[in-house]
Amino acid sequence: MEKFNIVIGTHGKFGEELVNSARMIAGALENVDCCSLLPEYSFEDYMKLVDETMRTKEGFTIVLVDLYGGTPCNVFTVMSRKYHYPVLTGLNLPMLIDL
């Protein structure tokens, strides 16, 4: 199977900790990045973070977000028109390990 990128968008550091947990179970994870929406970020700050992250991706990328209709989901969905990637909601540990 060809390698691909995974980008995780979550409220707070949930995504980063989920990646740490997945590494404990599955070992090293390659091509995984997190865009954490922190309380001090404005909508524009988060949009810029997502844009900067997605700009660096080459090849197929899939985005996993925590909550349908939340800011990470909305921002990644808007940016998907520019960078052409799918956005899946309901991120959880088994989903990440499976990918």
PDB file of N, CA and C in Angstrom:
ATOM      1  N   MET A   1       0.835  -1.182   0.000  1.00  0.00           N
ATOM      2  CA  MET A   1       0.000   0.000   0.000  1.00  0.00           C
ATOM      3  C   MET A   1       0.877   1.242   0.000  1.00  0.00           C
ATOM      4  N   GLU A   2       0.474   2.208  -0.779  1.00  0.00           N
ATOM      5  CA  GLU A   2       1.224   3.457  -0.865  1.00  0.00           C
ATOM      6  C   GLU A   2       1.075   4.257   0.428  1.00  0.00           C
ATOM      7  N   LYS A   3       2.164   4.904   0.824  1.00  0.00           N
ATOM      8  CA  LYS A   3       2.112   5.738   2.022  1.00  0.00           C
ATOM      9  C   LYS A   3       1.255   6.966   1.772  1.00  0.00           C
ATOM     10  N   PHE A   4       0.633   7.455   2.832  1.00  0.00           N
ATOM     11  CA  PHE A   4      -0.176   8.656   2.739  1.00  0.00           C
ATOM     12  C   PHE A   4      -0.039   9.438   4.034  1.00  0.00           C
ATOM     13  N   ASN A   5      -0.518  10.660   4.004  1.00  0.00           N
ATOM     14  CA  ASN A   5      -0.437  11.555   5.154  1.00  0.00           C
ATOM     15  C   ASN A   5      -1.735  11.504   5.949  1.00  0.00           C
ATOM     16  N   ILE A   6      -1.600  11.651   7.254  1.00  0.00           N
ATOM     17  CA  ILE A   6      -2.752  11.810   8.138  1.00  0.00           C
ATOM     18  C   ILE A   6      -2.557  13.122   8.881  1.00  0.00           C
ATOM     19  N   VAL A   7      -3.566  13.962   8.836  1.00  0.00           N
ATOM     20  CA  VAL A   7      -3.557  15.203   9.612  1.00  0.00           C
ATOM     21  C   VAL A   7      -4.748  15.147  10.560  1.00  0.00           C
ATOM     22  N   ILE A   8      -4.493  15.449  11.812  1.00  0.00           N
ATOM     23  CA  ILE A   8      -5.501  15.362  12.853  1.00  0.00           C
ATOM     24  C   ILE A   8      -5.831  16.767  13.344  1.00  0.00           C
ATOM     25  N   GLY A   9      -7.104  17.096  13.379  1.00  0.00           N
ATOM     26  CA  GLY A   9      -7.563  18.389  13.879  1.00  0.00           C
ATOM     27  C   GLY A   9      -8.501  18.184  15.053  1.00  0.00           C
ATOM     28  N   THR A  10      -8.123  18.745  16.207  1.00  0.00           N
ATOM     29  CA  THR A  10      -8.943  18.543  17.407  1.00  0.00           C
ATOM     30  C   THR A  10      -8.999  19.795  18.263  1.00  0.00           C
ATOM     31  N   HIS A  11      -9.965  19.787  19.160  1.00  0.00           N
ATOM     32  CA  HIS A  11     -10.046  20.800  20.207  1.00  0.00           C
ATOM     33  C   HIS A  11      -9.006  20.457  21.259  1.00  0.00           C
ATOM     34  N   GLY A  12      -8.194  21.419  21.633  1.00  0.00           N
ATOM     35  CA  GLY A  12      -7.153  21.173  22.623  1.00  0.00           C
ATOM     36  C   GLY A  12      -6.113  20.199  22.105  1.00  0.00           C
ATOM     37  N   LYS A  13      -5.446  19.540  23.014  1.00  0.00           N
ATOM     38  CA  LYS A  13      -4.355  18.629  22.655  1.00  0.00           C
ATOM     39  C   LYS A  13      -4.819  17.182  22.562  1.00  0.00           C
ATOM     40  N   PHE A  14      -6.106  16.987  22.376  1.00  0.00           N
ATOM     41  CA  PHE A  14      -6.664  15.644  22.258  1.00  0.00           C
ATOM     42  C   PHE A  14      -5.969  14.839  21.164  1.00  0.00           C
ATOM     43  N   GLY A  15      -5.775  15.427  20.007  1.00  0.00           N
ATOM     44  CA  GLY A  15      -5.143  14.736  18.889  1.00  0.00           C
ATOM     45  C   GLY A  15      -3.714  14.327  19.191  1.00  0.00           C
ATOM     46  N   GLU A  16      -2.958  15.224  19.801  1.00  0.00           N
ATOM     47  CA  GLU A  16      -1.572  14.920  20.132  1.00  0.00           C
ATOM     48  C   GLU A  16      -1.483  13.752  21.116  1.00  0.00           C
ATOM     49  N   GLU A  17      -2.356  13.736  22.088  1.00  0.00           N
ATOM     50  CA  GLU A  17      -2.347  12.653  23.070  1.00  0.00           C
ATOM     51  C   GLU A  17      -2.856  11.352  22.469  1.00  0.00           C
ATOM     52  N   LEU A  18      -3.782  11.447  21.528  1.00  0.00           N
ATOM     53  CA  LEU A  18      -4.247  10.250  20.833  1.00  0.00           C
ATOM     54  C   LEU A  18      -3.116   9.629  20.022  1.00  0.00           C
ATOM     55  N   VAL A  19      -2.323  10.460  19.365  1.00  0.00           N
ATOM     56  CA  VAL A  19      -1.162   9.967  18.613  1.00  0.00           C
ATOM     57  C   VAL A  19      -0.164   9.306  19.571  1.00  0.00           C
ATOM     58  N   ASN A  20       0.081   9.920  20.717  1.00  0.00           N
ATOM     59  CA  ASN A  20       0.984   9.310  21.707  1.00  0.00           C
ATOM     60  C   ASN A  20       0.468   7.947  22.157  1.00  0.00           C
ATOM     61  N   SER A  21      -0.832   7.832  22.382  1.00  0.00           N
ATOM     62  CA  SER A  21      -1.416   6.547  22.784  1.00  0.00           C
ATOM     63  C   SER A  21      -1.303   5.525  21.669  1.00  0.00           C
ATOM     64  N   ALA A  22      -1.549   5.942  20.432  1.00  0.00           N
ATOM     65  CA  ALA A  22      -1.439   5.027  19.288  1.00  0.00           C
ATOM     66  C   ALA A  22      -0.013   4.519  19.139  1.00  0.00           C
ATOM     67  N   ARG A  23       0.957   5.379  19.398  1.00  0.00           N
ATOM     68  CA  ARG A  23       2.366   4.959  19.320  1.00  0.00           C
ATOM     69  C   ARG A  23       2.702   3.913  20.379  1.00  0.00           C
ATOM     70  N   MET A  24       2.079   4.010  21.549  1.00  0.00           N
ATOM     71  CA  MET A  24       2.299   3.017  22.600  1.00  0.00           C
ATOM     72  C   MET A  24       1.805   1.644  22.153  1.00  0.00           C
ATOM     73  N   ILE A  25       0.746   1.634  21.371  1.00  0.00           N
ATOM     74  CA  ILE A  25       0.126   0.369  20.948  1.00  0.00           C
ATOM     75  C   ILE A  25       0.720  -0.144  19.643  1.00  0.00           C
ATOM     76  N   ALA A  26       0.860   0.747  18.662  1.00  0.00           N
ATOM     77  CA  ALA A  26       1.221   0.332  17.304  1.00  0.00           C
ATOM     78  C   ALA A  26       2.665   0.627  16.923  1.00  0.00           C
ATOM     79  N   GLY A  27       3.397   1.327  17.761  1.00  0.00           N
ATOM     80  CA  GLY A  27       4.763   1.695  17.409  1.00  0.00           C
ATOM     81  C   GLY A  27       4.786   3.017  16.660  1.00  0.00           C
ATOM     82  N   ALA A  28       5.868   3.243  15.948  1.00  0.00           N
ATOM     83  CA  ALA A  28       6.077   4.523  15.254  1.00  0.00           C
ATOM     84  C   ALA A  28       4.967   4.780  14.233  1.00  0.00           C
ATOM     85  N   LEU A  29       4.528   6.006  14.171  1.00  0.00           N
ATOM     86  CA  LEU A  29       3.554   6.446  13.172  1.00  0.00           C
ATOM     87  C   LEU A  29       4.247   7.447  12.268  1.00  0.00           C
ATOM     88  N   GLU A  30       4.210   7.180  10.970  1.00  0.00           N
ATOM     89  CA  GLU A  30       4.844   8.076  10.019  1.00  0.00           C
ATOM     90  C   GLU A  30       3.807   8.963   9.356  1.00  0.00           C
ATOM     91  N   ASN A  31       4.235  10.145   8.971  1.00  0.00           N
ATOM     92  CA  ASN A  31       3.401  11.072   8.199  1.00  0.00           C
ATOM     93  C   ASN A  31       2.113  11.444   8.912  1.00  0.00           C
ATOM     94  N   VAL A  32       2.186  11.646  10.225  1.00  0.00           N
ATOM     95  CA  VAL A  32       1.031  12.063  11.016  1.00  0.00           C
ATOM     96  C   VAL A  32       1.339  13.421  11.631  1.00  0.00           C
ATOM     97  N   ASP A  33       0.442  14.373  11.412  1.00  0.00           N
ATOM     98  CA  ASP A  33       0.588  15.715  11.991  1.00  0.00           C
ATOM     99  C   ASP A  33      -0.697  16.093  12.709  1.00  0.00           C
ATOM    100  N   CYS A  34      -0.566  16.950  13.699  1.00  0.00           N
ATOM    101  CA  CYS A  34      -1.725  17.433  14.451  1.00  0.00           C
ATOM    102  C   CYS A  34      -1.841  18.940  14.341  1.00  0.00           C
ATOM    103  N   CYS A  35      -3.059  19.398  14.224  1.00  0.00           N
ATOM    104  CA  CYS A  35      -3.374  20.830  14.287  1.00  0.00           C
ATOM    105  C   CYS A  35      -4.332  21.003  15.455  1.00  0.00           C
ATOM    106  N   SER A  36      -3.788  21.385  16.592  1.00  0.00           N
ATOM    107  CA  SER A  36      -4.574  21.524  17.811  1.00  0.00           C
ATOM    108  C   SER A  36      -5.155  22.929  17.905  1.00  0.00           C
ATOM    109  N   LEU A  37      -6.472  23.010  18.102  1.00  0.00           N
ATOM    110  CA  LEU A  37      -7.134  24.293  18.326  1.00  0.00           C
ATOM    111  C   LEU A  37      -7.037  24.603  19.811  1.00  0.00           C
ATOM    112  N   LEU A  38      -6.212  25.569  20.154  1.00  0.00           N
ATOM    113  CA  LEU A  38      -6.005  25.935  21.548  1.00  0.00           C
ATOM    114  C   LEU A  38      -6.886  27.116  21.925  1.00  0.00           C
ATOM    115  N   PRO A  39      -7.206  27.275  23.217  1.00  0.00           N
ATOM    116  CA  PRO A  39      -8.127  28.331  23.644  1.00  0.00           C
ATOM    117  C   PRO A  39      -7.710  29.740  23.228  1.00  0.00           C
ATOM    118  N   GLU A  40      -6.412  29.973  23.120  1.00  0.00           N
ATOM    119  CA  GLU A  40      -5.945  31.324  22.778  1.00  0.00           C
ATOM    120  C   GLU A  40      -6.006  31.617  21.276  1.00  0.00           C
ATOM    121  N   TYR A  41      -6.344  30.643  20.448  1.00  0.00           N
ATOM    122  CA  TYR A  41      -6.388  30.842  18.996  1.00  0.00           C
ATOM    123  C   TYR A  41      -7.724  31.461  18.576  1.00  0.00           C
ATOM    124  N   SER A  42      -7.637  32.408  17.684  1.00  0.00           N
ATOM    125  CA  SER A  42      -8.836  32.896  17.015  1.00  0.00           C
ATOM    126  C   SER A  42      -9.142  31.959  15.851  1.00  0.00           C
ATOM    127  N   PHE A  43     -10.296  32.134  15.249  1.00  0.00           N
ATOM    128  CA  PHE A  43     -10.648  31.353  14.058  1.00  0.00           C
ATOM    129  C   PHE A  43      -9.595  31.563  12.979  1.00  0.00           C
ATOM    130  N   GLU A  44      -9.162  32.802  12.805  1.00  0.00           N
ATOM    131  CA  GLU A  44      -8.163  33.133  11.788  1.00  0.00           C
ATOM    132  C   GLU A  44      -6.809  32.490  12.093  1.00  0.00           C
ATOM    133  N   ASP A  45      -6.431  32.466  13.374  1.00  0.00           N
ATOM    134  CA  ASP A  45      -5.172  31.815  13.769  1.00  0.00           C
ATOM    135  C   ASP A  45      -5.199  30.334  13.397  1.00  0.00           C
ATOM    136  N   TYR A  46      -6.311  29.701  13.676  1.00  0.00           N
ATOM    137  CA  TYR A  46      -6.416  28.275  13.386  1.00  0.00           C
ATOM    138  C   TYR A  46      -6.440  28.026  11.878  1.00  0.00           C
ATOM    139  N   MET A  47      -7.136  28.881  11.158  1.00  0.00           N
ATOM    140  CA  MET A  47      -7.172  28.764   9.695  1.00  0.00           C
ATOM    141  C   MET A  47      -5.753  28.863   9.126  1.00  0.00           C
ATOM    142  N   LYS A  48      -4.956  29.772   9.666  1.00  0.00           N
ATOM    143  CA  LYS A  48      -3.575  29.944   9.201  1.00  0.00           C
ATOM    144  C   LYS A  48      -2.739  28.703   9.521  1.00  0.00           C
ATOM    145  N   LEU A  49      -2.896  28.149  10.716  1.00  0.00           N
ATOM    146  CA  LEU A  49      -2.172  26.937  11.103  1.00  0.00           C
ATOM    147  C   LEU A  49      -2.512  25.783  10.167  1.00  0.00           C
ATOM    148  N   VAL A  50      -3.783  25.610   9.876  1.00  0.00           N
ATOM    149  CA  VAL A  50      -4.215  24.533   8.986  1.00  0.00           C
ATOM    150  C   VAL A  50      -3.653  24.758   7.583  1.00  0.00           C
ATOM    151  N   ASP A  51      -3.735  25.980   7.093  1.00  0.00           N
ATOM    152  CA  ASP A  51      -3.216  26.288   5.757  1.00  0.00           C
ATOM    153  C   ASP A  51      -1.720  25.997   5.674  1.00  0.00           C
ATOM    154  N   GLU A  52      -0.958  26.409   6.676  1.00  0.00           N
ATOM    155  CA  GLU A  52       0.482  26.171   6.684  1.00  0.00           C
ATOM    156  C   GLU A  52       0.796  24.674   6.734  1.00  0.00           C
ATOM    157  N   THR A  53       0.022  23.930   7.489  1.00  0.00           N
ATOM    158  CA  THR A  53       0.236  22.483   7.584  1.00  0.00           C
ATOM    159  C   THR A  53      -0.092  21.794   6.270  1.00  0.00           C
ATOM    160  N   MET A  54      -1.226  22.121   5.693  1.00  0.00           N
ATOM    161  CA  MET A  54      -1.657  21.439   4.469  1.00  0.00           C
ATOM    162  C   MET A  54      -0.783  21.812   3.269  1.00  0.00           C
ATOM    163  N   ARG A  55      -0.236  22.988   3.282  1.00  0.00           N
ATOM    164  CA  ARG A  55       0.629  23.439   2.191  1.00  0.00           C
ATOM    165  C   ARG A  55       1.867  22.548   2.055  1.00  0.00           C
ATOM    166  N   THR A  56       2.304  21.931   3.149  1.00  0.00           N
ATOM    167  CA  THR A  56       3.525  21.115   3.131  1.00  0.00           C
ATOM    168  C   THR A  56       3.280  19.671   2.710  1.00  0.00           C
ATOM    169  N   LYS A  57       2.034  19.266   2.557  1.00  0.00           N
ATOM    170  CA  LYS A  57       1.721  17.865   2.272  1.00  0.00           C
ATOM    171  C   LYS A  57       1.840  17.553   0.787  1.00  0.00           C
ATOM    172  N   GLU A  58       2.477  16.422   0.503  1.00  0.00           N
ATOM    173  CA  GLU A  58       2.576  15.920  -0.864  1.00  0.00           C
ATOM    174  C   GLU A  58       1.928  14.553  -0.905  1.00  0.00           C
ATOM    175  N   GLY A  59       1.209  14.261  -1.954  1.00  0.00           N
ATOM    176  CA  GLY A  59       0.535  12.978  -2.072  1.00  0.00           C
ATOM    177  C   GLY A  59      -0.794  12.989  -1.350  1.00  0.00           C
ATOM    178  N   PHE A  60      -1.400  11.807  -1.273  1.00  0.00           N
ATOM    179  CA  PHE A  60      -2.722  11.681  -0.669  1.00  0.00           C
ATOM    180  C   PHE A  60      -2.665  12.014   0.816  1.00  0.00           C
ATOM    181  N   THR A  61      -3.633  12.783   1.259  1.00  0.00           N
ATOM    182  CA  THR A  61      -3.751  13.164   2.664  1.00  0.00           C
ATOM    183  C   THR A  61      -5.185  12.945   3.106  1.00  0.00           C
ATOM    184  N   ILE A  62      -5.340  12.397   4.296  1.00  0.00           N
ATOM    185  CA  ILE A  62      -6.651  12.244   4.902  1.00  0.00           C
ATOM    186  C   ILE A  62      -6.658  13.023   6.210  1.00  0.00           C
ATOM    187  N   VAL A  63      -7.757  13.704   6.484  1.00  0.00           N
ATOM    188  CA  VAL A  63      -7.876  14.509   7.697  1.00  0.00           C
ATOM    189  C   VAL A  63      -8.892  13.857   8.623  1.00  0.00           C
ATOM    190  N   LEU A  64      -8.513  13.720   9.882  1.00  0.00           N
ATOM    191  CA  LEU A  64      -9.389  13.184  10.917  1.00  0.00           C
ATOM    192  C   LEU A  64      -9.665  14.286  11.923  1.00  0.00           C
ATOM    193  N   VAL A  65     -10.933  14.541  12.207  1.00  0.00           N
ATOM    194  CA  VAL A  65     -11.295  15.571  13.181  1.00  0.00           C
ATOM    195  C   VAL A  65     -12.164  14.956  14.269  1.00  0.00           C
ATOM    196  N   ASP A  66     -12.216  15.652  15.397  1.00  0.00           N
ATOM    197  CA  ASP A  66     -12.897  15.086  16.559  1.00  0.00           C
ATOM    198  C   ASP A  66     -14.413  15.224  16.522  1.00  0.00           C
ATOM    199  N   LEU A  67     -14.940  16.341  16.073  1.00  0.00           N
ATOM    200  CA  LEU A  67     -16.355  16.633  16.275  1.00  0.00           C
ATOM    201  C   LEU A  67     -16.961  17.281  15.038  1.00  0.00           C
ATOM    202  N   TYR A  68     -17.977  16.659  14.481  1.00  0.00           N
ATOM    203  CA  TYR A  68     -18.666  17.230  13.332  1.00  0.00           C
ATOM    204  C   TYR A  68     -19.264  18.589  13.710  1.00  0.00           C
ATOM    205  N   GLY A  69     -19.003  19.585  12.890  1.00  0.00           N
ATOM    206  CA  GLY A  69     -19.554  20.918  13.109  1.00  0.00           C
ATOM    207  C   GLY A  69     -18.728  21.803  14.023  1.00  0.00           C
ATOM    208  N   GLY A  70     -17.663  21.240  14.622  1.00  0.00           N
ATOM    209  CA  GLY A  70     -16.779  22.044  15.467  1.00  0.00           C
ATOM    210  C   GLY A  70     -15.812  22.841  14.597  1.00  0.00           C
ATOM    211  N   THR A  71     -15.109  23.755  15.215  1.00  0.00           N
ATOM    212  CA  THR A  71     -14.182  24.612  14.476  1.00  0.00           C
ATOM    213  C   THR A  71     -13.144  23.816  13.679  1.00  0.00           C
ATOM    214  N   PRO A  72     -12.473  22.802  14.254  1.00  0.00           N
ATOM    215  CA  PRO A  72     -11.517  22.047  13.427  1.00  0.00           C
ATOM    216  C   PRO A  72     -12.189  21.440  12.189  1.00  0.00           C
ATOM    217  N   CYS A  73     -13.345  20.863  12.363  1.00  0.00           N
ATOM    218  CA  CYS A  73     -14.075  20.273  11.233  1.00  0.00           C
ATOM    219  C   CYS A  73     -14.412  21.342  10.196  1.00  0.00           C
ATOM    220  N   ASN A  74     -14.924  22.462  10.641  1.00  0.00           N
ATOM    221  CA  ASN A  74     -15.322  23.523   9.715  1.00  0.00           C
ATOM    222  C   ASN A  74     -14.128  24.094   8.958  1.00  0.00           C
ATOM    223  N   VAL A  75     -13.033  24.333   9.657  1.00  0.00           N
ATOM    224  CA  VAL A  75     -11.842  24.888   9.009  1.00  0.00           C
ATOM    225  C   VAL A  75     -11.264  23.892   8.002  1.00  0.00           C
ATOM    226  N   PHE A  76     -11.106  22.644   8.403  1.00  0.00           N
ATOM    227  CA  PHE A  76     -10.565  21.649   7.477  1.00  0.00           C
ATOM    228  C   PHE A  76     -11.493  21.412   6.292  1.00  0.00           C
ATOM    229  N   THR A  77     -12.789  21.491   6.510  1.00  0.00           N
ATOM    230  CA  THR A  77     -13.725  21.324   5.402  1.00  0.00           C
ATOM    231  C   THR A  77     -13.592  22.468   4.402  1.00  0.00           C
ATOM    232  N   VAL A  78     -13.493  23.693   4.890  1.00  0.00           N
ATOM    233  CA  VAL A  78     -13.295  24.843   3.999  1.00  0.00           C
ATOM    234  C   VAL A  78     -11.981  24.700   3.233  1.00  0.00           C
ATOM    235  N   MET A  79     -10.909  24.320   3.935  1.00  0.00           N
ATOM    236  CA  MET A  79      -9.600  24.203   3.293  1.00  0.00           C
ATOM    237  C   MET A  79      -9.517  23.008   2.336  1.00  0.00           C
ATOM    238  N   SER A  80     -10.423  22.036   2.485  1.00  0.00           N
ATOM    239  CA  SER A  80     -10.403  20.870   1.591  1.00  0.00           C
ATOM    240  C   SER A  80     -10.699  21.273   0.148  1.00  0.00           C
ATOM    241  N   ARG A  81     -11.368  22.371  -0.038  1.00  0.00           N
ATOM    242  CA  ARG A  81     -11.631  22.859  -1.396  1.00  0.00           C
ATOM    243  C   ARG A  81     -10.340  23.325  -2.065  1.00  0.00           C
ATOM    244  N   LYS A  82      -9.411  23.811  -1.267  1.00  0.00           N
ATOM    245  CA  LYS A  82      -8.129  24.289  -1.788  1.00  0.00           C
ATOM    246  C   LYS A  82      -7.143  23.142  -1.977  1.00  0.00           C
ATOM    247  N   TYR A  83      -7.110  22.213  -1.025  1.00  0.00           N
ATOM    248  CA  TYR A  83      -6.085  21.166  -1.025  1.00  0.00           C
ATOM    249  C   TYR A  83      -6.611  19.780  -1.412  1.00  0.00           C
ATOM    250  N   HIS A  84      -7.903  19.608  -1.556  1.00  0.00           N
ATOM    251  CA  HIS A  84      -8.518  18.386  -2.085  1.00  0.00           C
ATOM    252  C   HIS A  84      -8.180  17.130  -1.272  1.00  0.00           C
ATOM    253  N   TYR A  85      -8.738  17.036  -0.090  1.00  0.00           N
ATOM    254  CA  TYR A  85      -8.567  15.877   0.769  1.00  0.00           C
ATOM    255  C   TYR A  85      -9.898  15.555   1.445  1.00  0.00           C
ATOM    256  N   PRO A  86     -10.097  14.298   1.856  1.00  0.00           N
ATOM    257  CA  PRO A  86     -11.311  13.964   2.604  1.00  0.00           C
ATOM    258  C   PRO A  86     -11.168  14.332   4.076  1.00  0.00           C
ATOM    259  N   VAL A  87     -12.302  14.642   4.708  1.00  0.00           N
ATOM    260  CA  VAL A  87     -12.350  14.941   6.134  1.00  0.00           C
ATOM    261  C   VAL A  87     -13.293  13.928   6.785  1.00  0.00           C
ATOM    262  N   LEU A  88     -12.764  13.184   7.754  1.00  0.00           N
ATOM    263  CA  LEU A  88     -13.577  12.226   8.500  1.00  0.00           C
ATOM    264  C   LEU A  88     -13.755  12.722   9.922  1.00  0.00           C
ATOM    265  N   THR A  89     -14.972  12.648  10.429  1.00  0.00           N
ATOM    266  CA  THR A  89     -15.244  13.089  11.798  1.00  0.00           C
ATOM    267  C   THR A  89     -15.349  11.890  12.729  1.00  0.00           C
ATOM    268  N   GLY A  90     -15.328  12.164  14.019  1.00  0.00           N
ATOM    269  CA  GLY A  90     -15.451  11.115  15.019  1.00  0.00           C
ATOM    270  C   GLY A  90     -14.145  10.412  15.308  1.00  0.00           C
ATOM    271  N   LEU A  91     -13.061  11.132  15.227  1.00  0.00           N
ATOM    272  CA  LEU A  91     -11.727  10.569  15.458  1.00  0.00           C
ATOM    273  C   LEU A  91     -11.708   9.779  16.768  1.00  0.00           C
ATOM    274  N   ASN A  92     -11.116   8.589  16.705  1.00  0.00           N
ATOM    275  CA  ASN A  92     -10.934   7.778  17.904  1.00  0.00           C
ATOM    276  C   ASN A  92      -9.681   6.914  17.740  1.00  0.00           C
ATOM    277  N   LEU A  93      -9.265   6.307  18.808  1.00  0.00           N
ATOM    278  CA  LEU A  93      -8.012   5.545  18.810  1.00  0.00           C
ATOM    279  C   LEU A  93      -8.036   4.354  17.836  1.00  0.00           C
ATOM    280  N   PRO A  94      -9.084   3.537  17.813  1.00  0.00           N
ATOM    281  CA  PRO A  94      -9.085   2.435  16.839  1.00  0.00           C
ATOM    282  C   PRO A  94      -9.016   2.915  15.389  1.00  0.00           C
ATOM    283  N   MET A  95      -9.676   4.025  15.078  1.00  0.00           N
ATOM    284  CA  MET A  95      -9.640   4.582  13.722  1.00  0.00           C
ATOM    285  C   MET A  95      -8.213   4.949  13.346  1.00  0.00           C
ATOM    286  N   LEU A  96      -7.524   5.632  14.247  1.00  0.00           N
ATOM    287  CA  LEU A  96      -6.153   6.065  13.968  1.00  0.00           C
ATOM    288  C   LEU A  96      -5.220   4.858  13.804  1.00  0.00           C
ATOM    289  N   ILE A  97      -5.329   3.888  14.676  1.00  0.00           N
ATOM    290  CA  ILE A  97      -4.471   2.704  14.584  1.00  0.00           C
ATOM    291  C   ILE A  97      -4.749   1.928  13.304  1.00  0.00           C
ATOM    292  N   ASP A  98      -6.005   1.832  12.921  1.00  0.00           N
ATOM    293  CA  ASP A  98      -6.357   1.131  11.683  1.00  0.00           C
ATOM    294  C   ASP A  98      -5.728   1.793  10.457  1.00  0.00           C
ATOM    295  N   LEU A  99      -5.753   3.094  10.426  1.00  0.00           N
ATOM    296  CA  LEU A  99      -5.153   3.808   9.297  1.00  0.00           C
ATOM    297  C   LEU A  99      -3.644   3.659   9.298  1.00  0.00           C
TER     298      LEU A  99
END
